[in-house]
């Protein structure tokens, strides 16, 4: 939906609808960016929040589905949680637009969704913000890492390696990152389409950091397994889950943990137990 342009809306001027009361489950919100009305689901915890999580869904999904399937488990555990929705792309499905997508469509604005997410992040300038995403959302999170590291305190990518076009950018700021991939994910070994596989993505990030990006392998059948902070400064980790396909890790699918709960611990936003 496009609304009439206005000078105040030139880049990221926001017009947000009524904010939810503290402790609400999650409300559907709107923000105006580049003259477009963009949507996101917002949870504001009871009490004083420790930070902000911006969680990007996979292709074909939306912010409400991401909240209902995964992030609702972290309600009232210390973080504001925003689940934005990507726009519908050329194939009729929602998909995030990031560096590398111009190879498919020369007319595409590769910075469109970056401006949306930075406008969303700017709502809470005094709180640390963390970006994460699955699949297409991971593509977007890799993009934010290389271009917008100064605006976030940490990143987590699940189910997709970094694009070659993103790997051509040297990040101005290094932040803690967590890169997770299932051994049975089709993207693990042969993603194609200008995207690096899991090993090459791990090597690329590892080359940026002062120390090696070590791997921790977890057997998917062991539900009590936990990942601890591994390697490097800033503290970063590559997590491989044996037997897991292309999905966001969840206990209900037989994975060793709920990824959202692990991220809340990783970012020290809450002392929670994965369920």
C-alpha atoms as a PDB file:
ATOM      1  CA  UNK A   1       0.000   0.000   0.000  1.00  0.00           C
ATOM      2  CA  UNK A   2       1.439   3.388  -1.036  1.00  0.00           C
ATOM      3  CA  UNK A   3       0.380   6.600   0.643  1.00  0.00           C
ATOM      4  CA  UNK A   4       0.881  10.187  -0.600  1.00  0.00           C
ATOM      5  CA  UNK A   5       4.484  11.362  -0.357  1.00  0.00           C
ATOM      6  CA  UNK A   6       5.531  14.092   2.065  1.00  0.00           C
ATOM      7  CA  UNK A   7       8.955  15.687   2.728  1.00  0.00           C
ATOM      8  CA  UNK A   8       8.992  14.326   6.266  1.00  0.00           C
ATOM      9  CA  UNK A   9       8.672  10.811   4.848  1.00  0.00           C
ATOM     10  CA  UNK A  10      11.597  11.069   2.430  1.00  0.00           C
ATOM     11  CA  UNK A  11      13.645   8.266   3.955  1.00  0.00           C
ATOM     12  CA  UNK A  12      12.482   6.771   7.231  1.00  0.00           C
ATOM     13  CA  UNK A  13       9.921   9.088   8.746  1.00  0.00           C
ATOM     14  CA  UNK A  14       7.535   6.904  10.690  1.00  0.00           C
ATOM     15  CA  UNK A  15       3.829   7.137  11.406  1.00  0.00           C
ATOM     16  CA  UNK A  16       3.074   4.419  13.916  1.00  0.00           C
ATOM     17  CA  UNK A  17      -0.385   3.400  15.019  1.00  0.00           C
ATOM     18  CA  UNK A  18      -1.374   3.052  18.644  1.00  0.00           C
ATOM     19  CA  UNK A  19       1.337   1.229  20.611  1.00  0.00           C
ATOM     20  CA  UNK A  20       0.313  -1.790  22.679  1.00  0.00           C
ATOM     21  CA  UNK A  21       0.128  -1.616  26.427  1.00  0.00           C
ATOM     22  CA  UNK A  22       3.067  -3.121  28.297  1.00  0.00           C
ATOM     23  CA  UNK A  23       2.579  -6.819  28.817  1.00  0.00           C
ATOM     24  CA  UNK A  24       0.268  -7.237  25.802  1.00  0.00           C
ATOM     25  CA  UNK A  25       0.773 -10.416  23.813  1.00  0.00           C
ATOM     26  CA  UNK A  26       1.538  -8.837  20.435  1.00  0.00           C
ATOM     27  CA  UNK A  27      -0.174  -6.163  18.382  1.00  0.00           C
ATOM     28  CA  UNK A  28      -0.252  -5.488  14.652  1.00  0.00           C
ATOM     29  CA  UNK A  29       1.556  -2.219  13.942  1.00  0.00           C
ATOM     30  CA  UNK A  30       2.273  -0.033  10.925  1.00  0.00           C
ATOM     31  CA  UNK A  31       5.126   2.289  10.011  1.00  0.00           C
ATOM     32  CA  UNK A  32       5.574   4.525   6.974  1.00  0.00           C
ATOM     33  CA  UNK A  33       8.915   4.241   5.174  1.00  0.00           C
ATOM     34  CA  UNK A  34       9.653   5.720   1.736  1.00  0.00           C
ATOM     35  CA  UNK A  35       5.947   6.475   1.376  1.00  0.00           C
ATOM     36  CA  UNK A  36       5.021   2.823   1.881  1.00  0.00           C
ATOM     37  CA  UNK A  37       2.945   1.495   4.750  1.00  0.00           C
ATOM     38  CA  UNK A  38       4.928  -1.405   6.212  1.00  0.00           C
ATOM     39  CA  UNK A  39       3.679  -3.806   8.877  1.00  0.00           C
ATOM     40  CA  UNK A  40       5.133  -5.611  11.874  1.00  0.00           C
ATOM     41  CA  UNK A  41       3.984  -7.460  14.964  1.00  0.00           C
ATOM     42  CA  UNK A  42       5.119  -5.932  18.254  1.00  0.00           C
ATOM     43  CA  UNK A  43       5.417  -7.332  21.765  1.00  0.00           C
ATOM     44  CA  UNK A  44       6.281  -5.029  24.673  1.00  0.00           C
ATOM     45  CA  UNK A  45       7.120  -6.946  27.865  1.00  0.00           C
ATOM     46  CA  UNK A  46       5.931  -6.095  31.327  1.00  0.00           C
ATOM     47  CA  UNK A  47       8.580  -4.200  33.268  1.00  0.00           C
ATOM     48  CA  UNK A  48      11.669  -2.495  31.888  1.00  0.00           C
ATOM     49  CA  UNK A  49      12.943  -4.111  28.662  1.00  0.00           C
ATOM     50  CA  UNK A  50      16.623  -5.028  28.379  1.00  0.00           C
ATOM     51  CA  UNK A  51      16.737  -4.766  24.605  1.00  0.00           C
ATOM     52  CA  UNK A  52      14.974  -5.145  21.283  1.00  0.00           C
ATOM     53  CA  UNK A  53      14.818  -8.198  19.006  1.00  0.00           C
ATOM     54  CA  UNK A  54      13.960  -7.678  15.336  1.00  0.00           C
ATOM     55  CA  UNK A  55      13.119 -11.113  13.907  1.00  0.00           C
ATOM     56  CA  UNK A  56      12.755 -11.586  10.132  1.00  0.00           C
ATOM     57  CA  UNK A  57      10.584 -14.423   8.797  1.00  0.00           C
ATOM     58  CA  UNK A  58      11.374 -16.749   5.921  1.00  0.00           C
ATOM     59  CA  UNK A  59      10.103 -16.391   2.355  1.00  0.00           C
ATOM     60  CA  UNK A  60       6.347 -16.753   1.945  1.00  0.00           C
ATOM     61  CA  UNK A  61       5.680 -16.131   5.636  1.00  0.00           C
ATOM     62  CA  UNK A  62       4.932 -12.963   7.625  1.00  0.00           C
ATOM     63  CA  UNK A  63       5.576 -11.350  10.999  1.00  0.00           C
ATOM     64  CA  UNK A  64       2.382 -12.632  12.605  1.00  0.00           C
ATOM     65  CA  UNK A  65       3.122 -16.232  11.632  1.00  0.00           C
ATOM     66  CA  UNK A  66       6.673 -15.925  12.964  1.00  0.00           C
ATOM     67  CA  UNK A  67       5.390 -14.599  16.289  1.00  0.00           C
ATOM     68  CA  UNK A  68       2.683 -17.242  16.610  1.00  0.00           C
ATOM     69  CA  UNK A  69       4.992 -20.147  15.679  1.00  0.00           C
ATOM     70  CA  UNK A  70       8.124 -19.199  17.609  1.00  0.00           C
ATOM     71  CA  UNK A  71       8.677 -15.859  19.296  1.00  0.00           C
ATOM     72  CA  UNK A  72       5.513 -15.881  21.440  1.00  0.00           C
ATOM     73  CA  UNK A  73       7.455 -18.264  23.712  1.00  0.00           C
ATOM     74  CA  UNK A  74       9.659 -15.320  24.718  1.00  0.00           C
ATOM     75  CA  UNK A  75       6.817 -13.003  25.750  1.00  0.00           C
ATOM     76  CA  UNK A  76       7.465 -11.045  28.945  1.00  0.00           C
ATOM     77  CA  UNK A  77      11.010 -12.362  29.292  1.00  0.00           C
ATOM     78  CA  UNK A  78      12.816  -9.063  29.077  1.00  0.00           C
ATOM     79  CA  UNK A  79      12.831  -7.969  25.438  1.00  0.00           C
ATOM     80  CA  UNK A  80      10.734  -5.923  23.073  1.00  0.00           C
ATOM     81  CA  UNK A  81      10.146  -8.229  20.102  1.00  0.00           C
ATOM     82  CA  UNK A  82       9.312  -6.905  16.645  1.00  0.00           C
ATOM     83  CA  UNK A  83       8.476  -9.294  13.795  1.00  0.00           C
ATOM     84  CA  UNK A  84       8.316  -7.270  10.558  1.00  0.00           C
ATOM     85  CA  UNK A  85       6.742  -8.471   7.320  1.00  0.00           C
ATOM     86  CA  UNK A  86       8.495  -8.389   3.940  1.00  0.00           C
ATOM     87  CA  UNK A  87       6.712  -7.206   0.823  1.00  0.00           C
ATOM     88  CA  UNK A  88       5.301  -9.545  -1.801  1.00  0.00           C
ATOM     89  CA  UNK A  89       7.825 -10.207  -4.567  1.00  0.00           C
ATOM     90  CA  UNK A  90       7.599 -11.138  -8.221  1.00  0.00           C
ATOM     91  CA  UNK A  91       6.599 -14.750  -7.526  1.00  0.00           C
ATOM     92  CA  UNK A  92       3.650 -13.688  -5.392  1.00  0.00           C
ATOM     93  CA  UNK A  93       5.290 -14.520  -2.047  1.00  0.00           C
ATOM     94  CA  UNK A  94       6.770 -12.305   0.652  1.00  0.00           C
ATOM     95  CA  UNK A  95      10.544 -12.112   0.359  1.00  0.00           C
ATOM     96  CA  UNK A  96      13.190  -9.847   1.841  1.00  0.00           C
ATOM     97  CA  UNK A  97      15.209  -7.704  -0.569  1.00  0.00           C
ATOM     98  CA  UNK A  98      18.939  -7.457   0.103  1.00  0.00           C
ATOM     99  CA  UNK A  99      22.341  -7.134  -1.548  1.00  0.00           C
ATOM    100  CA  UNK A 100      22.600  -9.642  -4.374  1.00  0.00           C
ATOM    101  CA  UNK A 101      18.961  -9.476  -5.463  1.00  0.00           C
ATOM    102  CA  UNK A 102      19.685  -7.010  -8.265  1.00  0.00           C
ATOM    103  CA  UNK A 103      21.217  -9.889 -10.211  1.00  0.00           C
ATOM    104  CA  UNK A 104      17.685 -11.261 -10.594  1.00  0.00           C
ATOM    105  CA  UNK A 105      15.997  -7.905 -11.226  1.00  0.00           C
ATOM    106  CA  UNK A 106      18.152  -4.897 -12.269  1.00  0.00           C
ATOM    107  CA  UNK A 107      15.346  -2.522 -11.299  1.00  0.00           C
ATOM    108  CA  UNK A 108      15.148  -3.713  -7.701  1.00  0.00           C
ATOM    109  CA  UNK A 109      16.081  -1.380  -4.818  1.00  0.00           C
ATOM    110  CA  UNK A 110      18.403  -3.545  -2.726  1.00  0.00           C
ATOM    111  CA  UNK A 111      18.314  -1.056   0.182  1.00  0.00           C
ATOM    112  CA  UNK A 112      14.517  -0.851   0.449  1.00  0.00           C
ATOM    113  CA  UNK A 113      14.142  -3.302   3.327  1.00  0.00           C
ATOM    114  CA  UNK A 114      17.289  -2.033   5.021  1.00  0.00           C
ATOM    115  CA  UNK A 115      15.613   1.370   5.353  1.00  0.00           C
ATOM    116  CA  UNK A 116      12.464  -0.267   6.716  1.00  0.00           C
ATOM    117  CA  UNK A 117      14.315  -2.216   9.390  1.00  0.00           C
ATOM    118  CA  UNK A 118      16.514   0.731  10.379  1.00  0.00           C
ATOM    119  CA  UNK A 119      13.388   2.859  10.776  1.00  0.00           C
ATOM    120  CA  UNK A 120      11.915   0.147  12.986  1.00  0.00           C
ATOM    121  CA  UNK A 121      15.113  -0.118  15.017  1.00  0.00           C
ATOM    122  CA  UNK A 122      15.124   3.694  15.470  1.00  0.00           C
ATOM    123  CA  UNK A 123      11.954   3.478  17.567  1.00  0.00           C
ATOM    124  CA  UNK A 124      14.079   2.447  20.560  1.00  0.00           C
ATOM    125  CA  UNK A 125      17.357   4.413  20.255  1.00  0.00           C
ATOM    126  CA  UNK A 126      18.359   3.925  23.910  1.00  0.00           C
ATOM    127  CA  UNK A 127      18.050   0.132  23.912  1.00  0.00           C
ATOM    128  CA  UNK A 128      20.471  -2.388  22.363  1.00  0.00           C
ATOM    129  CA  UNK A 129      18.912  -4.078  19.341  1.00  0.00           C
ATOM    130  CA  UNK A 130      19.531  -7.544  17.914  1.00  0.00           C
ATOM    131  CA  UNK A 131      18.624  -8.773  14.427  1.00  0.00           C
ATOM    132  CA  UNK A 132      17.903 -12.355  13.455  1.00  0.00           C
ATOM    133  CA  UNK A 133      16.258 -14.205  10.605  1.00  0.00           C
ATOM    134  CA  UNK A 134      15.465 -17.524   8.989  1.00  0.00           C
ATOM    135  CA  UNK A 135      16.059 -18.363   5.303  1.00  0.00           C
ATOM    136  CA  UNK A 136      15.076 -15.207   3.383  1.00  0.00           C
ATOM    137  CA  UNK A 137      15.156 -13.455   6.766  1.00  0.00           C
ATOM    138  CA  UNK A 138      18.707 -14.762   7.277  1.00  0.00           C
ATOM    139  CA  UNK A 139      19.630 -13.225   3.909  1.00  0.00           C
ATOM    140  CA  UNK A 140      18.324  -9.922   5.265  1.00  0.00           C
ATOM    141  CA  UNK A 141      20.248 -10.361   8.524  1.00  0.00           C
ATOM    142  CA  UNK A 142      23.530 -11.037   6.683  1.00  0.00           C
ATOM    143  CA  UNK A 143      22.830  -7.795   4.789  1.00  0.00           C
ATOM    144  CA  UNK A 144      22.348  -5.861   8.027  1.00  0.00           C
ATOM    145  CA  UNK A 145      25.584  -7.313   9.426  1.00  0.00           C
ATOM    146  CA  UNK A 146      27.754  -6.108   6.562  1.00  0.00           C
ATOM    147  CA  UNK A 147      26.071  -2.719   6.092  1.00  0.00           C
ATOM    148  CA  UNK A 148      24.482  -1.698   9.410  1.00  0.00           C
ATOM    149  CA  UNK A 149      26.548  -3.278  12.188  1.00  0.00           C
ATOM    150  CA  UNK A 150      26.753   0.000  14.064  1.00  0.00           C
ATOM    151  CA  UNK A 151      22.985   0.020  14.574  1.00  0.00           C
ATOM    152  CA  UNK A 152      22.804  -3.418  16.222  1.00  0.00           C
ATOM    153  CA  UNK A 153      24.453  -5.211  19.122  1.00  0.00           C
ATOM    154  CA  UNK A 154      24.297  -8.724  17.680  1.00  0.00           C
ATOM    155  CA  UNK A 155      23.067 -10.911  14.826  1.00  0.00           C
ATOM    156  CA  UNK A 156      21.804 -14.451  14.255  1.00  0.00           C
ATOM    157  CA  UNK A 157      21.238 -16.178  10.918  1.00  0.00           C
ATOM    158  CA  UNK A 158      19.498 -19.552  10.467  1.00  0.00           C
ATOM    159  CA  UNK A 159      19.166 -21.633   7.314  1.00  0.00           C
ATOM    160  CA  UNK A 160      20.985 -19.538   4.721  1.00  0.00           C
ATOM    161  CA  UNK A 161      24.586 -18.596   4.025  1.00  0.00           C
ATOM    162  CA  UNK A 162      25.834 -15.163   3.067  1.00  0.00           C
ATOM    163  CA  UNK A 163      25.333 -13.986  -0.531  1.00  0.00           C
ATOM    164  CA  UNK A 164      28.395 -13.415  -2.691  1.00  0.00           C
ATOM    165  CA  UNK A 165      27.381  -9.757  -3.125  1.00  0.00           C
ATOM    166  CA  UNK A 166      27.182  -9.356   0.665  1.00  0.00           C
ATOM    167  CA  UNK A 167      30.542 -11.089   1.152  1.00  0.00           C
ATOM    168  CA  UNK A 168      32.074  -8.478  -1.179  1.00  0.00           C
ATOM    169  CA  UNK A 169      31.391  -5.818   1.489  1.00  0.00           C
ATOM    170  CA  UNK A 170      33.793  -5.290   4.391  1.00  0.00           C
ATOM    171  CA  UNK A 171      31.739  -4.520   7.529  1.00  0.00           C
ATOM    172  CA  UNK A 172      32.663  -1.256   9.233  1.00  0.00           C
ATOM    173  CA  UNK A 173      31.825  -2.741  12.648  1.00  0.00           C
ATOM    174  CA  UNK A 174      32.166  -6.331  13.879  1.00  0.00           C
ATOM    175  CA  UNK A 175      29.401  -7.631  16.138  1.00  0.00           C
ATOM    176  CA  UNK A 176      28.699 -10.969  17.855  1.00  0.00           C
ATOM    177  CA  UNK A 177      27.020 -13.381  15.485  1.00  0.00           C
ATOM    178  CA  UNK A 178      25.463 -16.820  15.624  1.00  0.00           C
ATOM    179  CA  UNK A 179      25.133 -18.766  12.374  1.00  0.00           C
ATOM    180  CA  UNK A 180      23.027 -21.944  12.554  1.00  0.00           C
ATOM    181  CA  UNK A 181      22.462 -24.580   9.874  1.00  0.00           C
ATOM    182  CA  UNK A 182      21.045 -28.087   9.806  1.00  0.00           C
ATOM    183  CA  UNK A 183      23.180 -30.799   8.223  1.00  0.00           C
ATOM    184  CA  UNK A 184      20.185 -31.860   6.057  1.00  0.00           C
ATOM    185  CA  UNK A 185      19.308 -28.326   4.987  1.00  0.00           C
ATOM    186  CA  UNK A 186      19.529 -28.090   1.164  1.00  0.00           C
ATOM    187  CA  UNK A 187      21.372 -24.793   1.685  1.00  0.00           C
ATOM    188  CA  UNK A 188      24.097 -26.495   3.749  1.00  0.00           C
ATOM    189  CA  UNK A 189      26.176 -27.859   0.884  1.00  0.00           C
ATOM    190  CA  UNK A 190      24.799 -26.553  -2.399  1.00  0.00           C
ATOM    191  CA  UNK A 191      22.738 -23.390  -2.061  1.00  0.00           C
ATOM    192  CA  UNK A 192      23.608 -21.983  -5.504  1.00  0.00           C
ATOM    193  CA  UNK A 193      21.975 -18.770  -6.712  1.00  0.00           C
ATOM    194  CA  UNK A 194      24.947 -16.611  -5.659  1.00  0.00           C
ATOM    195  CA  UNK A 195      24.875 -17.789  -2.020  1.00  0.00           C
ATOM    196  CA  UNK A 196      27.814 -19.328  -0.152  1.00  0.00           C
ATOM    197  CA  UNK A 197      27.365 -22.713   1.522  1.00  0.00           C
ATOM    198  CA  UNK A 198      27.657 -23.244   5.279  1.00  0.00           C
ATOM    199  CA  UNK A 199      31.404 -23.961   5.282  1.00  0.00           C
ATOM    200  CA  UNK A 200      32.235 -20.962   3.097  1.00  0.00           C
ATOM    201  CA  UNK A 201      29.999 -18.679   5.152  1.00  0.00           C
ATOM    202  CA  UNK A 202      31.676 -19.837   8.348  1.00  0.00           C
ATOM    203  CA  UNK A 203      35.101 -19.267   6.779  1.00  0.00           C
ATOM    204  CA  UNK A 204      34.155 -15.779   5.567  1.00  0.00           C
ATOM    205  CA  UNK A 205      32.981 -14.607   8.975  1.00  0.00           C
ATOM    206  CA  UNK A 206      35.907 -16.364  10.648  1.00  0.00           C
ATOM    207  CA  UNK A 207      38.376 -14.444   8.469  1.00  0.00           C
ATOM    208  CA  UNK A 208      36.884 -11.161   9.684  1.00  0.00           C
ATOM    209  CA  UNK A 209      37.268 -11.937  13.371  1.00  0.00           C
ATOM    210  CA  UNK A 210      40.448 -11.796  15.466  1.00  0.00           C
ATOM    211  CA  UNK A 211      40.126 -15.494  16.299  1.00  0.00           C
ATOM    212  CA  UNK A 212      38.689 -18.511  14.463  1.00  0.00           C
ATOM    213  CA  UNK A 213      34.949 -19.044  14.231  1.00  0.00           C
ATOM    214  CA  UNK A 214      34.878 -22.481  15.816  1.00  0.00           C
ATOM    215  CA  UNK A 215      32.073 -24.923  15.210  1.00  0.00           C
ATOM    216  CA  UNK A 216      29.944 -26.757  17.746  1.00  0.00           C
ATOM    217  CA  UNK A 217      28.099 -29.773  16.362  1.00  0.00           C
ATOM    218  CA  UNK A 218      24.971 -30.886  18.183  1.00  0.00           C
ATOM    219  CA  UNK A 219      23.112 -34.147  17.583  1.00  0.00           C
ATOM    220  CA  UNK A 220      19.504 -33.298  16.835  1.00  0.00           C
ATOM    221  CA  UNK A 221      18.203 -36.304  18.763  1.00  0.00           C
ATOM    222  CA  UNK A 222      19.715 -35.109  22.044  1.00  0.00           C
ATOM    223  CA  UNK A 223      17.090 -32.752  23.376  1.00  0.00           C
ATOM    224  CA  UNK A 224      19.153 -31.827  26.438  1.00  0.00           C
ATOM    225  CA  UNK A 225      22.057 -30.479  24.346  1.00  0.00           C
ATOM    226  CA  UNK A 226      23.007 -26.842  24.782  1.00  0.00           C
ATOM    227  CA  UNK A 227      25.268 -24.459  22.908  1.00  0.00           C
ATOM    228  CA  UNK A 228      27.689 -22.398  24.942  1.00  0.00           C
ATOM    229  CA  UNK A 229      29.495 -19.287  23.793  1.00  0.00           C
ATOM    230  CA  UNK A 230      32.300 -20.234  21.443  1.00  0.00           C
ATOM    231  CA  UNK A 231      35.314 -18.502  20.036  1.00  0.00           C
ATOM    232  CA  UNK A 232      36.459 -15.085  19.044  1.00  0.00           C
ATOM    233  CA  UNK A 233      36.053 -11.485  19.948  1.00  0.00           C
ATOM    234  CA  UNK A 234      33.346 -10.415  19.458  1.00  0.00           C
ATOM    235  CA  UNK A 235      31.983 -13.741  20.758  1.00  0.00           C
ATOM    236  CA  UNK A 236      30.551 -15.598  17.784  1.00  0.00           C
ATOM    237  CA  UNK A 237      29.562 -19.137  16.928  1.00  0.00           C
ATOM    238  CA  UNK A 238      28.702 -21.475  14.081  1.00  0.00           C
ATOM    239  CA  UNK A 239      26.122 -24.078  15.155  1.00  0.00           C
ATOM    240  CA  UNK A 240      25.557 -27.206  13.061  1.00  0.00           C
ATOM    241  CA  UNK A 241      22.635 -29.415  14.063  1.00  0.00           C
ATOM    242  CA  UNK A 242      22.964 -32.958  12.754  1.00  0.00           C
ATOM    243  CA  UNK A 243      19.833 -34.318  11.120  1.00  0.00           C
ATOM    244  CA  UNK A 244      17.993 -30.987  10.949  1.00  0.00           C
ATOM    245  CA  UNK A 245      16.540 -29.789   7.655  1.00  0.00           C
ATOM    246  CA  UNK A 246      15.552 -26.316   6.520  1.00  0.00           C
ATOM    247  CA  UNK A 247      13.788 -24.930   9.559  1.00  0.00           C
ATOM    248  CA  UNK A 248      14.055 -22.762  12.645  1.00  0.00           C
ATOM    249  CA  UNK A 249      15.191 -25.127  15.453  1.00  0.00           C
ATOM    250  CA  UNK A 250      12.418 -26.116  17.844  1.00  0.00           C
ATOM    251  CA  UNK A 251      12.063 -28.765  20.520  1.00  0.00           C
ATOM    252  CA  UNK A 252       8.698 -29.833  19.101  1.00  0.00           C
ATOM    253  CA  UNK A 253      10.445 -30.870  15.869  1.00  0.00           C
ATOM    254  CA  UNK A 254      12.986 -32.965  17.763  1.00  0.00           C
ATOM    255  CA  UNK A 255      15.751 -30.363  17.657  1.00  0.00           C
ATOM    256  CA  UNK A 256      18.012 -29.913  20.709  1.00  0.00           C
ATOM    257  CA  UNK A 257      16.584 -26.491  21.627  1.00  0.00           C
ATOM    258  CA  UNK A 258      14.263 -23.654  20.693  1.00  0.00           C
ATOM    259  CA  UNK A 259      16.475 -21.229  18.773  1.00  0.00           C
ATOM    260  CA  UNK A 260      14.547 -18.188  20.030  1.00  0.00           C
ATOM    261  CA  UNK A 261      15.201 -19.192  23.661  1.00  0.00           C
ATOM    262  CA  UNK A 262      18.878 -19.791  22.873  1.00  0.00           C
ATOM    263  CA  UNK A 263      19.135 -16.321  21.363  1.00  0.00           C
ATOM    264  CA  UNK A 264      17.581 -14.727  24.438  1.00  0.00           C
ATOM    265  CA  UNK A 265      20.362 -16.354  26.460  1.00  0.00           C
ATOM    266  CA  UNK A 266      23.049 -15.619  23.883  1.00  0.00           C
ATOM    267  CA  UNK A 267      22.184 -11.927  23.931  1.00  0.00           C
ATOM    268  CA  UNK A 268      21.681 -11.906  27.728  1.00  0.00           C
ATOM    269  CA  UNK A 269      18.188 -10.534  27.371  1.00  0.00           C
ATOM    270  CA  UNK A 270      16.712 -13.121  29.718  1.00  0.00           C
ATOM    271  CA  UNK A 271      17.723 -16.113  31.802  1.00  0.00           C
ATOM    272  CA  UNK A 272      15.310 -18.571  30.234  1.00  0.00           C
ATOM    273  CA  UNK A 273      14.974 -22.310  29.804  1.00  0.00           C
ATOM    274  CA  UNK A 274      14.175 -23.559  26.313  1.00  0.00           C
ATOM    275  CA  UNK A 275      10.838 -25.340  26.039  1.00  0.00           C
END
